[in-house]
Amino acid sequence: MSEIGTSIIQFIVEEQRAHPNSTGSLTGLMSDIVSSCKKIAHLVNRSGIIGLGGAAESENVQGEVQKKLDIITNDVMVDHLNWTGHLAGMASEEIEEIIQIPDEFPKGKYLITFDPLDGSSNIDVNISVGTIFSILRCPEGVDNPTVEDFMQKGTEQVCAGFCVYGPTTMLILTTGNGVNGFTLDRDVGEFILTHPKMTIPEDTAEFAINMSNQRFWEQPVQRYIEECVQGVEGSRDKDFNMRWNASMVAEVYRILTRGGIFMYPIDSKIAKQGGKLRLMYEANPMSFIVEQAGGLSSTGHQRIMEVQPTGVHQRVPVILGSKNEELNLKAVPPVSLLLVGLQGS
């Protein structure tokens, strides 16, 4: 078992050795992702100095105005991953189509989906942003994957992680054997294991939700938040604190360390698009991490990782966090619509 202070590469190699039939391809891919995250951390840290702040003159596939760093960090991910022979294809929040591996490079057995810079609207106000990724197996015999090859449920994920670029740069990782956190030591240029076997506290007194959308929420969510706001004077018998960073990586990292619940539920304003957050490269990898750390994750109607994808950029509602808080939410009538099937999942 790896000890605090172990480098992330040593940690990954030790994980590989626990599986004698492993080819080392996933280890190599993770090494490539680590390199890209270190490059992005450097760019984010220096963005104000080298003129990378502000909006670009373009929109992504979802019609959202891109930041300059959205485009640059996407290029960093692609350039670090497309030539190493570990991937068969990629999908990014910033690109509408599947990103194919150029013919001059060898093809690997994995697929990756990623959000290269989650929370990029926070860049200019110096709030934490991050990178989220999910790794899937490419179907056997497929050299040029199509959208259909990516349409795998979250339960099929091989690995998921996110990097948060904050006061320190942290990389959170799961391969289905718990969750571990690594801190970037800039003096040596290595991610070091600092948070082994992370677990989400089962109880919490914190919730994170965008209150500006309150008037659009469904009634069960309205009622749950109202009970939190009522504090000790209400039926919950305790005071809650509200947090909202508009950065999913920051919200989930806080939940991993302090507990809490993060909600971007369906509401009447976004109902036609299915939700706010993207299933393949935001909701699924974060749900994998949260569940591996002992928490729960739901769309409000079903377990997120059991949703059958229909598109690379598909959106879903997201409710995730501390187990007991999720169960309390489930118990609020008629909140059975919110968290059906979570207990025991």
Protein backbone atom coordinates (compact mmCIF):
# COMPACT_ATOMS: atom_id res chain seq x y z
CA MET A 1 0.00 0.00 0.00
CA SER A 2 1.35 3.42 -0.98
CA GLU A 3 2.29 5.79 1.83
CA ILE A 4 1.94 9.55 2.16
CA GLY A 5 4.76 11.13 0.18
CA THR A 6 4.62 8.59 -2.66
CA SER A 7 4.75 10.19 -6.11
CA ILE A 8 1.69 9.72 -8.28
CA ILE A 9 3.69 7.79 -10.89
CA GLN A 10 4.97 5.36 -8.25
CA PHE A 11 1.42 5.06 -6.91
CA ILE A 12 0.04 4.22 -10.37
CA VAL A 13 2.81 1.68 -11.02
CA GLU A 14 2.11 -0.01 -7.67
CA GLU A 15 -1.59 -0.14 -8.57
CA GLN A 16 -0.64 -1.76 -11.89
CA ARG A 17 1.52 -4.39 -10.16
CA ALA A 18 -1.52 -5.46 -8.15
CA HIS A 19 -3.01 -6.64 -11.46
CA PRO A 20 -0.51 -9.11 -13.00
CA ASN A 21 -2.32 -9.15 -16.36
CA SER A 22 -2.04 -5.39 -16.78
CA THR A 23 -0.24 -4.23 -19.92
CA GLY A 24 0.84 -0.90 -18.43
CA SER A 25 -1.18 1.06 -20.96
CA LEU A 26 -3.40 2.68 -18.33
CA THR A 27 -0.28 3.59 -16.34
CA GLY A 28 1.16 5.28 -19.40
CA LEU A 29 -2.09 7.12 -20.09
CA MET A 30 -2.28 8.37 -16.52
CA SER A 31 1.29 9.62 -16.78
CA ASP A 32 0.28 11.58 -19.89
CA ILE A 33 -2.74 13.09 -18.09
CA VAL A 34 -0.55 14.07 -15.15
CA SER A 35 1.84 15.87 -17.52
CA SER A 36 -1.02 17.77 -19.15
CA CYS A 37 -2.43 18.81 -15.77
CA LYS A 38 0.96 20.14 -14.69
CA LYS A 39 1.14 22.21 -17.87
CA ILE A 40 -2.39 23.55 -17.35
CA ALA A 41 -1.61 24.38 -13.71
CA HIS A 42 1.34 26.45 -14.90
CA LEU A 43 -0.79 28.29 -17.47
CA VAL A 44 -3.59 28.99 -15.00
CA ASN A 45 -1.11 30.25 -12.42
CA ARG A 46 0.46 32.66 -14.92
CA SER A 47 -2.65 33.55 -16.93
CA GLY A 48 -2.89 37.09 -15.64
CA ILE A 49 0.80 37.76 -16.26
CA ILE A 50 0.98 36.39 -19.81
CA GLY A 51 -2.37 37.76 -20.98
CA LEU A 52 -4.49 34.60 -21.04
CA GLY A 53 -7.42 36.04 -19.08
CA GLY A 54 -10.69 37.14 -20.59
CA ALA A 55 -13.01 35.79 -23.25
CA ALA A 56 -12.09 34.46 -26.67
CA GLU A 57 -14.04 35.46 -29.77
CA SER A 58 -15.73 32.08 -30.04
CA GLU A 59 -18.33 29.74 -28.53
CA ASN A 60 -18.13 26.05 -27.69
CA VAL A 61 -20.53 23.37 -28.92
CA GLN A 62 -23.02 24.27 -26.17
CA GLY A 63 -23.16 27.89 -27.33
CA GLU A 64 -21.22 29.12 -24.30
CA VAL A 65 -18.71 31.93 -24.74
CA GLN A 66 -15.23 30.45 -24.46
CA LYS A 67 -12.44 31.87 -22.38
CA LYS A 68 -9.00 32.04 -23.93
CA LEU A 69 -7.84 29.38 -21.52
CA ASP A 70 -10.71 27.06 -22.55
CA ILE A 71 -9.18 26.83 -26.01
CA ILE A 72 -5.56 26.68 -24.86
CA THR A 73 -6.13 24.02 -22.20
CA ASN A 74 -8.09 21.90 -24.67
CA ASP A 75 -5.10 22.05 -27.01
CA VAL A 76 -2.79 21.08 -24.13
CA MET A 77 -4.86 17.97 -23.40
CA VAL A 78 -5.05 16.93 -27.05
CA ASP A 79 -1.36 17.58 -27.73
CA HIS A 80 -0.28 15.58 -24.66
CA LEU A 81 -2.56 12.61 -25.35
CA ASN A 82 -2.93 12.09 -29.09
CA TRP A 83 0.49 10.66 -29.96
CA THR A 84 1.41 8.32 -27.11
CA GLY A 85 -0.41 5.20 -28.33
CA HIS A 86 -2.68 4.75 -25.30
CA LEU A 87 -5.89 6.19 -26.74
CA ALA A 88 -8.22 5.28 -29.60
CA GLY A 89 -10.15 8.55 -29.40
CA MET A 90 -11.06 11.59 -27.30
CA ALA A 91 -14.09 13.73 -26.57
CA SER A 92 -13.85 17.24 -25.16
CA GLU A 93 -16.36 19.79 -23.90
CA GLU A 94 -14.83 22.28 -26.29
CA ILE A 95 -15.10 20.20 -29.49
CA GLU A 96 -18.36 19.07 -31.06
CA GLU A 97 -17.07 15.95 -32.82
CA ILE A 98 -15.03 13.00 -31.57
CA ILE A 99 -11.31 13.80 -31.66
CA GLN A 100 -9.63 11.09 -33.70
CA ILE A 101 -6.04 9.98 -33.19
CA PRO A 102 -4.00 11.03 -36.25
CA ASP A 103 -3.16 8.13 -38.58
CA GLU A 104 0.58 8.58 -38.09
CA PHE A 105 0.28 7.67 -34.41
CA PRO A 106 -0.44 4.23 -32.88
CA LYS A 107 -3.92 3.58 -31.50
CA GLY A 108 -4.55 2.40 -27.95
CA LYS A 109 -7.34 0.57 -26.15
CA TYR A 110 -8.82 3.45 -24.15
CA LEU A 111 -11.16 6.38 -24.74
CA ILE A 112 -11.09 9.60 -22.76
CA THR A 113 -13.65 12.33 -22.20
CA PHE A 114 -12.63 15.58 -20.53
CA ASP A 115 -13.55 19.08 -19.55
CA PRO A 116 -10.18 20.80 -19.93
CA LEU A 117 -11.04 23.81 -17.74
CA ASP A 118 -14.10 23.41 -15.55
CA GLY A 119 -15.30 26.66 -13.98
CA SER A 120 -13.40 28.82 -16.46
CA SER A 121 -15.79 31.74 -15.82
CA ASN A 122 -13.91 32.09 -12.52
CA ILE A 123 -10.50 32.69 -14.10
CA ASP A 124 -10.77 36.46 -14.08
CA VAL A 125 -11.92 36.59 -10.44
CA ASN A 126 -9.17 34.25 -9.19
CA ILE A 127 -11.41 31.41 -7.95
CA SER A 128 -10.39 27.76 -8.27
CA VAL A 129 -10.89 26.05 -11.64
CA GLY A 130 -9.97 22.55 -12.74
CA THR A 131 -9.76 19.70 -15.24
CA ILE A 132 -12.12 16.69 -15.16
CA PHE A 133 -11.54 13.43 -17.04
CA SER A 134 -13.09 9.99 -17.48
CA ILE A 135 -11.44 6.93 -19.03
CA LEU A 136 -13.40 4.19 -20.82
CA ARG A 137 -12.38 1.05 -22.69
CA CYS A 138 -12.58 1.22 -26.44
CA PRO A 139 -14.63 -1.68 -27.88
CA GLU A 140 -12.41 -4.44 -29.23
CA GLY A 141 -11.47 -4.19 -32.89
CA VAL A 142 -12.31 -0.47 -33.12
CA ASP A 143 -9.52 1.73 -34.46
CA ASN A 144 -11.54 4.83 -35.35
CA PRO A 145 -14.20 5.16 -32.65
CA THR A 146 -17.50 6.87 -33.35
CA VAL A 147 -19.90 8.57 -30.96
CA GLU A 148 -21.61 5.20 -30.41
CA ASP A 149 -18.40 3.71 -29.01
CA PHE A 150 -18.37 6.39 -26.31
CA MET A 151 -21.97 5.74 -25.27
CA GLN A 152 -21.08 3.74 -22.17
CA LYS A 153 -22.73 4.10 -18.78
CA GLY A 154 -20.73 5.59 -15.93
CA THR A 155 -20.50 2.15 -14.36
CA GLU A 156 -18.17 1.21 -17.24
CA GLN A 157 -15.56 3.81 -16.32
CA VAL A 158 -12.04 2.45 -15.82
CA CYS A 159 -10.69 5.54 -14.13
CA ALA A 160 -11.85 9.05 -13.32
CA GLY A 161 -10.26 12.09 -11.79
CA PHE A 162 -10.05 15.82 -11.57
CA CYS A 163 -7.37 18.39 -10.95
CA VAL A 164 -8.21 21.54 -9.02
CA TYR A 165 -6.01 24.58 -9.56
CA GLY A 166 -6.35 26.52 -6.33
CA PRO A 167 -4.01 27.73 -3.56
CA THR A 168 -2.42 24.32 -4.11
CA THR A 169 -2.85 22.13 -7.18
CA MET A 170 -4.58 18.88 -6.25
CA LEU A 171 -5.23 15.81 -8.40
CA ILE A 172 -8.00 13.45 -7.21
CA LEU A 173 -8.04 9.96 -8.70
CA THR A 174 -10.00 6.72 -8.60
CA THR A 175 -9.55 3.47 -10.52
CA GLY A 176 -12.42 1.82 -8.67
CA ASN A 177 -10.38 1.04 -5.55
CA GLY A 178 -11.11 4.07 -3.42
CA VAL A 179 -10.14 7.71 -3.90
CA ASN A 180 -6.70 9.23 -3.40
CA GLY A 181 -5.55 12.83 -3.48
CA PHE A 182 -2.18 14.14 -4.68
CA THR A 183 -0.67 17.59 -4.20
CA LEU A 184 1.64 19.16 -6.77
CA ASP A 185 5.05 19.89 -5.24
CA ARG A 186 6.23 22.67 -7.53
CA ASP A 187 9.81 22.45 -6.24
CA VAL A 188 10.24 18.97 -7.71
CA GLY A 189 7.46 19.03 -10.31
CA GLU A 190 5.70 15.94 -8.93
CA PHE A 191 2.25 15.14 -7.62
CA ILE A 192 2.72 13.63 -4.15
CA LEU A 193 0.22 11.46 -2.28
CA THR A 194 -1.11 13.62 0.55
CA HIS A 195 -4.70 12.42 0.98
CA PRO A 196 -4.85 8.60 0.86
CA LYS A 197 -8.18 6.75 0.87
CA MET A 198 -10.37 9.83 1.00
CA THR A 199 -13.87 9.33 2.40
CA ILE A 200 -16.78 11.75 2.46
CA PRO A 201 -18.19 12.41 5.94
CA GLU A 202 -21.64 10.82 6.06
CA ASP A 203 -23.26 13.79 7.83
CA THR A 204 -23.06 17.42 6.86
CA ALA A 205 -24.35 20.89 7.57
CA GLU A 206 -23.38 22.41 4.22
CA PHE A 207 -25.13 22.62 0.88
CA ALA A 208 -24.07 24.12 -2.43
CA ILE A 209 -26.65 25.33 -4.91
CA ASN A 210 -27.17 28.34 -7.18
CA MET A 211 -29.92 30.17 -5.26
CA SER A 212 -30.55 32.56 -8.16
CA ASN A 213 -32.42 29.70 -9.85
CA GLN A 214 -34.69 29.02 -6.87
CA ARG A 215 -37.87 30.17 -8.55
CA PHE A 216 -37.35 27.60 -11.34
CA TRP A 217 -36.79 24.52 -9.14
CA GLU A 218 -39.19 21.63 -8.72
CA GLN A 219 -41.17 21.59 -5.48
CA PRO A 220 -39.16 18.83 -3.70
CA VAL A 221 -35.95 20.82 -4.14
CA GLN A 222 -37.66 24.03 -3.04
CA ARG A 223 -38.83 22.29 0.13
CA TYR A 224 -35.45 20.71 0.91
CA ILE A 225 -33.55 23.99 0.60
CA GLU A 226 -36.18 25.83 2.63
CA GLU A 227 -35.72 23.33 5.46
CA CYS A 228 -31.95 23.83 5.32
CA VAL A 229 -32.36 27.61 5.45
CA GLN A 230 -34.73 27.35 8.45
CA GLY A 231 -31.89 25.79 10.46
CA VAL A 232 -32.47 24.91 14.10
CA GLU A 233 -35.88 26.56 14.00
CA GLY A 234 -37.02 24.13 11.29
CA SER A 235 -37.57 20.40 11.00
CA ARG A 236 -33.86 19.66 10.41
CA ASP A 237 -32.89 20.80 13.94
CA LYS A 238 -29.52 22.17 12.86
CA ASP A 239 -28.07 25.18 11.08
CA PHE A 240 -26.68 24.82 7.56
CA ASN A 241 -24.11 26.88 5.70
CA MET A 242 -24.51 27.55 1.98
CA ARG A 243 -21.54 27.46 -0.41
CA TRP A 244 -21.45 28.26 -4.12
CA ASN A 245 -18.32 28.70 -6.25
CA ALA A 246 -19.70 28.04 -9.76
CA SER A 247 -16.81 25.58 -10.06
CA MET A 248 -17.72 21.90 -9.83
CA VAL A 249 -14.14 20.82 -9.07
CA ALA A 250 -13.99 23.17 -6.08
CA GLU A 251 -17.41 22.05 -4.83
CA VAL A 252 -16.62 18.32 -5.08
CA TYR A 253 -13.20 18.73 -3.50
CA ARG A 254 -14.79 20.48 -0.53
CA ILE A 255 -17.32 17.65 -0.21
CA LEU A 256 -14.51 15.08 -0.26
CA THR A 257 -12.78 16.79 2.63
CA ARG A 258 -15.65 18.26 4.70
CA GLY A 259 -18.81 16.58 3.52
CA GLY A 260 -21.80 18.38 2.08
CA ILE A 261 -24.21 18.19 -0.80
CA PHE A 262 -23.84 19.76 -4.26
CA MET A 263 -26.96 20.31 -6.34
CA TYR A 264 -27.56 21.47 -9.89
CA PRO A 265 -31.11 20.10 -10.16
CA ILE A 266 -33.41 20.21 -13.13
CA ASP A 267 -35.49 23.39 -13.31
CA SER A 268 -38.02 24.88 -15.69
CA LYS A 269 -35.42 27.18 -17.27
CA ILE A 270 -33.16 24.35 -18.44
CA ALA A 271 -35.64 21.47 -18.67
CA LYS A 272 -35.56 21.31 -22.47
CA GLN A 273 -31.78 20.79 -22.54
CA GLY A 274 -31.99 18.04 -19.90
CA GLY A 275 -29.97 19.73 -17.17
CA LYS A 276 -26.94 21.96 -16.71
CA LEU A 277 -23.94 19.65 -16.35
CA ARG A 278 -22.59 17.26 -18.99
CA LEU A 279 -22.98 13.55 -18.28
CA MET A 280 -19.87 12.15 -19.98
CA TYR A 281 -17.14 14.48 -18.75
CA GLU A 282 -18.60 16.11 -15.65
CA ALA A 283 -21.39 14.13 -13.97
CA ASN A 284 -20.09 10.59 -14.58
CA PRO A 285 -16.47 11.06 -13.46
CA MET A 286 -17.51 13.11 -10.43
CA SER A 287 -20.14 10.50 -9.52
CA PHE A 288 -17.54 7.71 -9.78
CA ILE A 289 -15.27 9.61 -7.40
CA VAL A 290 -18.05 10.51 -4.96
CA GLU A 291 -19.38 6.95 -4.79
CA GLN A 292 -15.88 5.52 -4.37
CA ALA A 293 -15.44 7.90 -1.42
CA GLY A 294 -18.63 6.65 0.23
CA GLY A 295 -21.08 9.27 -1.03
CA LEU A 296 -24.07 9.11 -3.35
CA SER A 297 -24.94 10.70 -6.68
CA SER A 298 -28.25 11.07 -8.52
CA THR A 299 -29.96 12.93 -11.34
CA GLY A 300 -32.93 13.31 -9.04
CA HIS A 301 -34.61 10.36 -10.68
CA GLN A 302 -31.88 7.71 -10.90
CA ARG A 303 -28.27 6.94 -10.12
CA ILE A 304 -26.16 9.05 -12.46
CA MET A 305 -23.78 6.23 -13.40
CA GLU A 306 -26.70 4.11 -14.60
CA VAL A 307 -27.90 6.70 -17.12
CA GLN A 308 -27.56 5.41 -20.68
CA PRO A 309 -25.77 8.11 -22.67
CA THR A 310 -27.36 9.32 -25.90
CA GLY A 311 -24.78 11.91 -26.88
CA VAL A 312 -21.27 13.04 -25.99
CA HIS A 313 -22.52 16.44 -24.82
CA GLN A 314 -25.69 15.19 -23.13
CA ARG A 315 -26.72 17.16 -20.04
CA VAL A 316 -28.20 15.82 -16.79
CA PRO A 317 -29.27 17.20 -13.40
CA VAL A 318 -26.79 16.46 -10.61
CA ILE A 319 -27.29 15.91 -6.87
CA LEU A 320 -24.29 14.42 -5.05
CA GLY A 321 -22.54 14.34 -1.72
CA SER A 322 -22.73 12.99 1.82
CA LYS A 323 -24.63 9.75 2.15
CA ASN A 324 -26.86 10.64 5.08
CA GLU A 325 -27.76 14.00 3.60
CA GLU A 326 -28.75 12.33 0.36
CA LEU A 327 -30.93 9.93 2.33
CA ASN A 328 -32.49 12.81 4.26
CA LEU A 329 -33.25 14.49 0.98
CA LYS A 330 -34.80 11.29 -0.29
CA ALA A 331 -37.08 11.22 2.73
CA VAL A 332 -38.64 14.63 2.06
CA PRO A 333 -42.06 13.97 0.41
CA PRO A 334 -42.51 13.92 -2.51
CA VAL A 335 -38.76 13.74 -3.01
CA SER A 336 -38.94 10.09 -4.08
CA LEU A 337 -38.78 11.64 -7.55
CA LEU A 338 -35.37 13.08 -6.65
CA LEU A 339 -33.39 10.13 -5.36
CA VAL A 340 -35.18 6.99 -6.47
CA GLY A 341 -32.93 3.97 -6.20
CA LEU A 342 -30.02 5.59 -4.40
CA GLN A 343 -30.28 3.64 -1.15
CA GLY A 344 -28.14 0.56 -1.41
CA SER A 345 -26.64 1.53 -4.77
